[in-house]
């Protein structure tokens, strides 16, 4: 999912956790990330800014998948200031 100018994946020398990202259409990929937050942000970005129906899971040391905690979507609508005066 993440590439640099030379076409290779971005990698750091430190140990990164492995994540499985499943898109709304059912396709999936596995990528290393530094954190749940980074994995979720990358998945949302790849899905054109939409988090609905994305599944981001982290592999444990023994190979099991555990769900990440995705933050609820923030609504950016205009809210009228309602004062009681």
C-alpha atoms as a PDB file:
ATOM      1  CA  UNK A   1       0.000   0.000   0.000  1.00  0.00           C
ATOM      2  CA  UNK A   2       2.742   2.485   0.850  1.00  0.00           C
ATOM      3  CA  UNK A   3       5.412   3.053  -1.750  1.00  0.00           C
ATOM      4  CA  UNK A   4       8.330   5.401  -2.213  1.00  0.00           C
ATOM      5  CA  UNK A   5       9.626   6.996  -5.423  1.00  0.00           C
ATOM      6  CA  UNK A   6      11.706   3.933  -6.307  1.00  0.00           C
ATOM      7  CA  UNK A   7       8.632   1.704  -6.135  1.00  0.00           C
ATOM      8  CA  UNK A   8       9.664  -0.176  -3.005  1.00  0.00           C
ATOM      9  CA  UNK A   9       7.738  -0.338   0.238  1.00  0.00           C
ATOM     10  CA  UNK A  10       8.716   2.012   3.024  1.00  0.00           C
ATOM     11  CA  UNK A  11      10.505   0.147   5.807  1.00  0.00           C
ATOM     12  CA  UNK A  12      12.165   1.237   9.023  1.00  0.00           C
ATOM     13  CA  UNK A  13      15.065  -0.565  10.636  1.00  0.00           C
ATOM     14  CA  UNK A  14      13.096  -1.096  13.861  1.00  0.00           C
ATOM     15  CA  UNK A  15      10.584  -3.889  14.326  1.00  0.00           C
ATOM     16  CA  UNK A  16       7.150  -3.049  12.970  1.00  0.00           C
ATOM     17  CA  UNK A  17       3.891  -4.861  13.625  1.00  0.00           C
ATOM     18  CA  UNK A  18       2.130  -6.656  10.778  1.00  0.00           C
ATOM     19  CA  UNK A  19      -1.453  -5.732   9.911  1.00  0.00           C
ATOM     20  CA  UNK A  20      -4.124  -7.159   7.638  1.00  0.00           C
ATOM     21  CA  UNK A  21      -6.328  -4.572   5.944  1.00  0.00           C
ATOM     22  CA  UNK A  22      -9.578  -5.758   4.351  1.00  0.00           C
ATOM     23  CA  UNK A  23     -11.301  -3.310   2.017  1.00  0.00           C
ATOM     24  CA  UNK A  24     -15.097  -3.021   1.590  1.00  0.00           C
ATOM     25  CA  UNK A  25     -14.934  -5.066  -1.640  1.00  0.00           C
ATOM     26  CA  UNK A  26     -13.340  -7.992   0.232  1.00  0.00           C
ATOM     27  CA  UNK A  27      -9.810  -7.548  -1.109  1.00  0.00           C
ATOM     28  CA  UNK A  28      -7.065  -7.533   1.500  1.00  0.00           C
ATOM     29  CA  UNK A  29      -3.383  -6.849   1.963  1.00  0.00           C
ATOM     30  CA  UNK A  30      -0.818  -7.311   4.709  1.00  0.00           C
ATOM     31  CA  UNK A  31       1.584  -4.493   5.551  1.00  0.00           C
ATOM     32  CA  UNK A  32       3.951  -3.547   8.375  1.00  0.00           C
ATOM     33  CA  UNK A  33       3.082  -0.408  10.365  1.00  0.00           C
ATOM     34  CA  UNK A  34       4.419   1.323  13.464  1.00  0.00           C
ATOM     35  CA  UNK A  35       1.010   1.576  15.144  1.00  0.00           C
ATOM     36  CA  UNK A  36      -2.715   0.861  14.911  1.00  0.00           C
ATOM     37  CA  UNK A  37      -3.256   4.551  14.198  1.00  0.00           C
ATOM     38  CA  UNK A  38      -0.868   4.499  11.229  1.00  0.00           C
ATOM     39  CA  UNK A  39      -2.431   1.312   9.806  1.00  0.00           C
ATOM     40  CA  UNK A  40      -5.961   2.711  10.113  1.00  0.00           C
ATOM     41  CA  UNK A  41      -4.959   6.062   8.586  1.00  0.00           C
ATOM     42  CA  UNK A  42      -3.321   4.324   5.623  1.00  0.00           C
ATOM     43  CA  UNK A  43      -6.367   2.101   5.085  1.00  0.00           C
ATOM     44  CA  UNK A  44      -8.750   5.069   5.180  1.00  0.00           C
ATOM     45  CA  UNK A  45      -6.506   6.996   2.787  1.00  0.00           C
ATOM     46  CA  UNK A  46      -6.416   4.030   0.372  1.00  0.00           C
ATOM     47  CA  UNK A  47     -10.225   3.898   0.548  1.00  0.00           C
ATOM     48  CA  UNK A  48     -10.496   7.550  -0.540  1.00  0.00           C
ATOM     49  CA  UNK A  49     -11.055   8.898   2.956  1.00  0.00           C
ATOM     50  CA  UNK A  50     -13.900   6.548   3.891  1.00  0.00           C
ATOM     51  CA  UNK A  51     -13.570   4.290   6.948  1.00  0.00           C
ATOM     52  CA  UNK A  52     -16.954   2.575   6.643  1.00  0.00           C
ATOM     53  CA  UNK A  53     -16.679  -1.207   6.100  1.00  0.00           C
ATOM     54  CA  UNK A  54     -12.864  -1.229   6.455  1.00  0.00           C
ATOM     55  CA  UNK A  55     -11.388  -3.921   8.689  1.00  0.00           C
ATOM     56  CA  UNK A  56      -7.904  -3.367  10.116  1.00  0.00           C
ATOM     57  CA  UNK A  57      -6.487  -6.249  12.161  1.00  0.00           C
ATOM     58  CA  UNK A  58      -3.127  -6.728  13.846  1.00  0.00           C
ATOM     59  CA  UNK A  59      -1.181  -9.998  13.910  1.00  0.00           C
ATOM     60  CA  UNK A  60      -0.072 -11.183  17.348  1.00  0.00           C
ATOM     61  CA  UNK A  61       3.300 -12.851  17.936  1.00  0.00           C
ATOM     62  CA  UNK A  62       1.632 -16.272  17.603  1.00  0.00           C
ATOM     63  CA  UNK A  63      -0.065 -15.390  14.299  1.00  0.00           C
ATOM     64  CA  UNK A  64      -3.599 -14.658  15.511  1.00  0.00           C
ATOM     65  CA  UNK A  65      -5.476 -11.633  14.202  1.00  0.00           C
ATOM     66  CA  UNK A  66      -6.898  -9.137  16.676  1.00  0.00           C
ATOM     67  CA  UNK A  67      -9.092  -6.163  15.735  1.00  0.00           C
ATOM     68  CA  UNK A  68      -7.789  -2.635  16.047  1.00  0.00           C
ATOM     69  CA  UNK A  69      -9.851   0.065  17.710  1.00  0.00           C
ATOM     70  CA  UNK A  70     -11.025   2.338  14.934  1.00  0.00           C
ATOM     71  CA  UNK A  71     -12.200   5.730  16.128  1.00  0.00           C
ATOM     72  CA  UNK A  72     -15.770   6.660  15.251  1.00  0.00           C
ATOM     73  CA  UNK A  73     -16.179   8.974  12.268  1.00  0.00           C
ATOM     74  CA  UNK A  74     -16.177  12.637  13.092  1.00  0.00           C
ATOM     75  CA  UNK A  75     -19.106  14.589  11.723  1.00  0.00           C
ATOM     76  CA  UNK A  76     -17.977  17.913  10.331  1.00  0.00           C
ATOM     77  CA  UNK A  77     -21.383  19.484   9.799  1.00  0.00           C
ATOM     78  CA  UNK A  78     -22.160  23.033  10.856  1.00  0.00           C
ATOM     79  CA  UNK A  79     -23.612  23.259  14.328  1.00  0.00           C
ATOM     80  CA  UNK A  80     -25.621  26.335  15.165  1.00  0.00           C
ATOM     81  CA  UNK A  81     -24.816  27.879  18.524  1.00  0.00           C
ATOM     82  CA  UNK A  82     -27.945  27.362  20.601  1.00  0.00           C
ATOM     83  CA  UNK A  83     -27.986  29.575  23.646  1.00  0.00           C
ATOM     84  CA  UNK A  84     -30.829  29.781  26.112  1.00  0.00           C
ATOM     85  CA  UNK A  85     -30.825  33.578  26.355  1.00  0.00           C
END
